[in-house]
Amino acid sequence: MADISRTCPHCGSRLEKWRVPEDATWSEEFFFVCFNDDCSYYQRGWDWMKLQFNQRASYRYAVNPTSGGSMPLPVWSDSATREMIVDDSEGEGE
């Protein structure tokens, strides 16, 4: 696992451990994701997606723990994908 920051660079919130859905194309078991609804990255995403794709969607800041690379995690509402947040101690030592 890459040495990564667990802090969102856009708002300073702690990134949550988020379980990647089983049917996703990503091979990782989890990502670290910012779930702060006031995050500027998330807030700007609504306008950007509407202007670029005419879609009511946004994205949350996410980090791949294997590569350390950041990426947008698409969401369609404030509550979307929150059920995939896992206890941070889950899977420790793996």
C-alpha atoms as a PDB file:
ATOM      1  CA  MET A   1       0.000   0.000   0.000  1.00  0.00           C
ATOM      2  CA  ALA A   2       1.299   3.432  -0.919  1.00  0.00           C
ATOM      3  CA  ASP A   3       2.038   5.969   1.829  1.00  0.00           C
ATOM      4  CA  ILE A   4      -0.926   8.321   1.403  1.00  0.00           C
ATOM      5  CA  SER A   5      -2.457  11.268   3.192  1.00  0.00           C
ATOM      6  CA  ARG A   6      -5.813  10.582   4.829  1.00  0.00           C
ATOM      7  CA  THR A   7      -6.768  14.259   4.580  1.00  0.00           C
ATOM      8  CA  CYS A   8      -8.749  15.839   1.744  1.00  0.00           C
ATOM      9  CA  PRO A   9      -6.592  18.530   0.093  1.00  0.00           C
ATOM     10  CA  HIS A  10      -9.741  20.493  -0.829  1.00  0.00           C
ATOM     11  CA  CYS A  11     -11.381  20.837   2.600  1.00  0.00           C
ATOM     12  CA  GLY A  12      -9.078  19.285   5.202  1.00  0.00           C
ATOM     13  CA  SER A  13     -11.585  16.586   6.233  1.00  0.00           C
ATOM     14  CA  ARG A  14     -10.440  13.098   7.150  1.00  0.00           C
ATOM     15  CA  LEU A  15     -10.924  10.619   4.308  1.00  0.00           C
ATOM     16  CA  GLU A  16     -13.236   7.708   5.098  1.00  0.00           C
ATOM     17  CA  LYS A  17     -12.433   4.111   4.248  1.00  0.00           C
ATOM     18  CA  TRP A  18     -14.931   3.149   1.527  1.00  0.00           C
ATOM     19  CA  ARG A  19     -15.583  -0.403   0.295  1.00  0.00           C
ATOM     20  CA  VAL A  20     -15.409  -0.771  -3.489  1.00  0.00           C
ATOM     21  CA  PRO A  21     -18.568  -2.505  -4.791  1.00  0.00           C
ATOM     22  CA  GLU A  22     -18.075  -6.127  -5.820  1.00  0.00           C
ATOM     23  CA  ASP A  23     -19.291  -5.500  -9.381  1.00  0.00           C
ATOM     24  CA  ALA A  24     -16.964  -2.513  -9.943  1.00  0.00           C
ATOM     25  CA  THR A  25     -14.114  -2.700 -12.426  1.00  0.00           C
ATOM     26  CA  TRP A  26     -11.560  -1.547  -9.823  1.00  0.00           C
ATOM     27  CA  SER A  27      -9.472  -4.365  -8.351  1.00  0.00           C
ATOM     28  CA  GLU A  28      -8.927  -2.658  -4.968  1.00  0.00           C
ATOM     29  CA  GLU A  29     -10.996  -3.660  -1.945  1.00  0.00           C
ATOM     30  CA  PHE A  30     -11.357  -0.088  -0.709  1.00  0.00           C
ATOM     31  CA  PHE A  31     -10.566   3.572  -1.382  1.00  0.00           C
ATOM     32  CA  PHE A  32     -10.258   6.557   0.945  1.00  0.00           C
ATOM     33  CA  VAL A  33     -13.011   9.087   0.158  1.00  0.00           C
ATOM     34  CA  CYS A  34     -14.024  12.568   1.345  1.00  0.00           C
ATOM     35  CA  PHE A  35     -17.679  12.561   2.409  1.00  0.00           C
ATOM     36  CA  ASN A  36     -17.798  16.195   3.526  1.00  0.00           C
ATOM     37  CA  ASP A  37     -20.833  17.687   1.753  1.00  0.00           C
ATOM     38  CA  ASP A  38     -19.302  21.162   2.133  1.00  0.00           C
ATOM     39  CA  CYS A  39     -16.054  20.155   0.381  1.00  0.00           C
ATOM     40  CA  SER A  40     -15.282  22.582  -2.462  1.00  0.00           C
ATOM     41  CA  TYR A  41     -14.329  19.705  -4.805  1.00  0.00           C
ATOM     42  CA  TYR A  42     -17.718  18.046  -4.263  1.00  0.00           C
ATOM     43  CA  GLN A  43     -19.632  21.335  -4.439  1.00  0.00           C
ATOM     44  CA  ARG A  44     -17.962  22.463  -7.704  1.00  0.00           C
ATOM     45  CA  GLY A  45     -18.643  19.044  -9.206  1.00  0.00           C
ATOM     46  CA  TRP A  46     -22.393  19.649  -9.428  1.00  0.00           C
ATOM     47  CA  ASP A  47     -21.973  22.660 -11.743  1.00  0.00           C
ATOM     48  CA  TRP A  48     -19.173  21.069 -13.749  1.00  0.00           C
ATOM     49  CA  MET A  49     -21.143  17.882 -14.457  1.00  0.00           C
ATOM     50  CA  LYS A  50     -24.219  19.919 -15.433  1.00  0.00           C
ATOM     51  CA  LEU A  51     -22.229  22.146 -17.798  1.00  0.00           C
ATOM     52  CA  GLN A  52     -20.081  19.404 -19.334  1.00  0.00           C
ATOM     53  CA  PHE A  53     -22.559  16.511 -19.527  1.00  0.00           C
ATOM     54  CA  ASN A  54     -25.979  17.959 -18.626  1.00  0.00           C
ATOM     55  CA  GLN A  55     -26.128  15.494 -15.727  1.00  0.00           C
ATOM     56  CA  ARG A  56     -27.368  15.943 -12.164  1.00  0.00           C
ATOM     57  CA  ALA A  57     -24.304  14.398 -10.552  1.00  0.00           C
ATOM     58  CA  SER A  58     -21.080  15.306  -8.810  1.00  0.00           C
ATOM     59  CA  TYR A  59     -17.974  13.519  -7.551  1.00  0.00           C
ATOM     60  CA  ARG A  60     -16.132  13.088  -4.301  1.00  0.00           C
ATOM     61  CA  TYR A  61     -12.356  13.217  -3.837  1.00  0.00           C
ATOM     62  CA  ALA A  62     -11.000   9.664  -3.569  1.00  0.00           C
ATOM     63  CA  VAL A  63      -7.581   8.074  -3.181  1.00  0.00           C
ATOM     64  CA  ASN A  64      -6.536   4.619  -4.355  1.00  0.00           C
ATOM     65  CA  PRO A  65      -4.538   3.166  -1.425  1.00  0.00           C
ATOM     66  CA  THR A  66      -2.561   0.852  -3.709  1.00  0.00           C
ATOM     67  CA  SER A  67      -1.193   3.494  -6.059  1.00  0.00           C
ATOM     68  CA  GLY A  68      -1.691   6.598  -3.914  1.00  0.00           C
ATOM     69  CA  GLY A  69      -3.343   8.269  -6.918  1.00  0.00           C
ATOM     70  CA  SER A  70      -6.361  10.511  -6.503  1.00  0.00           C
ATOM     71  CA  MET A  71      -9.510  10.389  -8.604  1.00  0.00           C
ATOM     72  CA  PRO A  72     -13.117  11.550  -8.703  1.00  0.00           C
ATOM     73  CA  LEU A  73     -15.703   9.125  -7.320  1.00  0.00           C
ATOM     74  CA  PRO A  74     -19.013   9.810  -9.131  1.00  0.00           C
ATOM     75  CA  VAL A  75     -22.143  10.335  -7.013  1.00  0.00           C
ATOM     76  CA  TRP A  76     -25.733  11.284  -7.826  1.00  0.00           C
ATOM     77  CA  SER A  77     -26.823  12.602  -4.397  1.00  0.00           C
ATOM     78  CA  ASP A  78     -25.500  13.649  -0.982  1.00  0.00           C
ATOM     79  CA  SER A  79     -26.293  10.214   0.427  1.00  0.00           C
ATOM     80  CA  ALA A  80     -25.094   8.135  -2.552  1.00  0.00           C
ATOM     81  CA  THR A  81     -22.563   5.423  -1.659  1.00  0.00           C
ATOM     82  CA  ARG A  82     -22.433   6.327   2.046  1.00  0.00           C
ATOM     83  CA  GLU A  83     -23.586   2.800   2.868  1.00  0.00           C
ATOM     84  CA  MET A  84     -20.174   1.635   1.599  1.00  0.00           C
ATOM     85  CA  ILE A  85     -18.251   3.486   4.347  1.00  0.00           C
ATOM     86  CA  VAL A  86     -16.599   0.890   6.590  1.00  0.00           C
ATOM     87  CA  ASP A  87     -15.223   0.982  10.102  1.00  0.00           C
ATOM     88  CA  ASP A  88     -11.694   2.339   9.811  1.00  0.00           C
ATOM     89  CA  SER A  89     -10.319  -0.484  11.960  1.00  0.00           C
ATOM     90  CA  GLU A  90     -11.836  -3.125   9.668  1.00  0.00           C
ATOM     91  CA  GLY A  91      -9.153  -4.985   7.750  1.00  0.00           C
ATOM     92  CA  GLU A  92      -6.239  -3.513   9.732  1.00  0.00           C
ATOM     93  CA  GLY A  93      -3.103  -5.581   9.536  1.00  0.00           C
ATOM     94  CA  GLU A  94      -3.948  -7.143   6.181  1.00  0.00           C
END
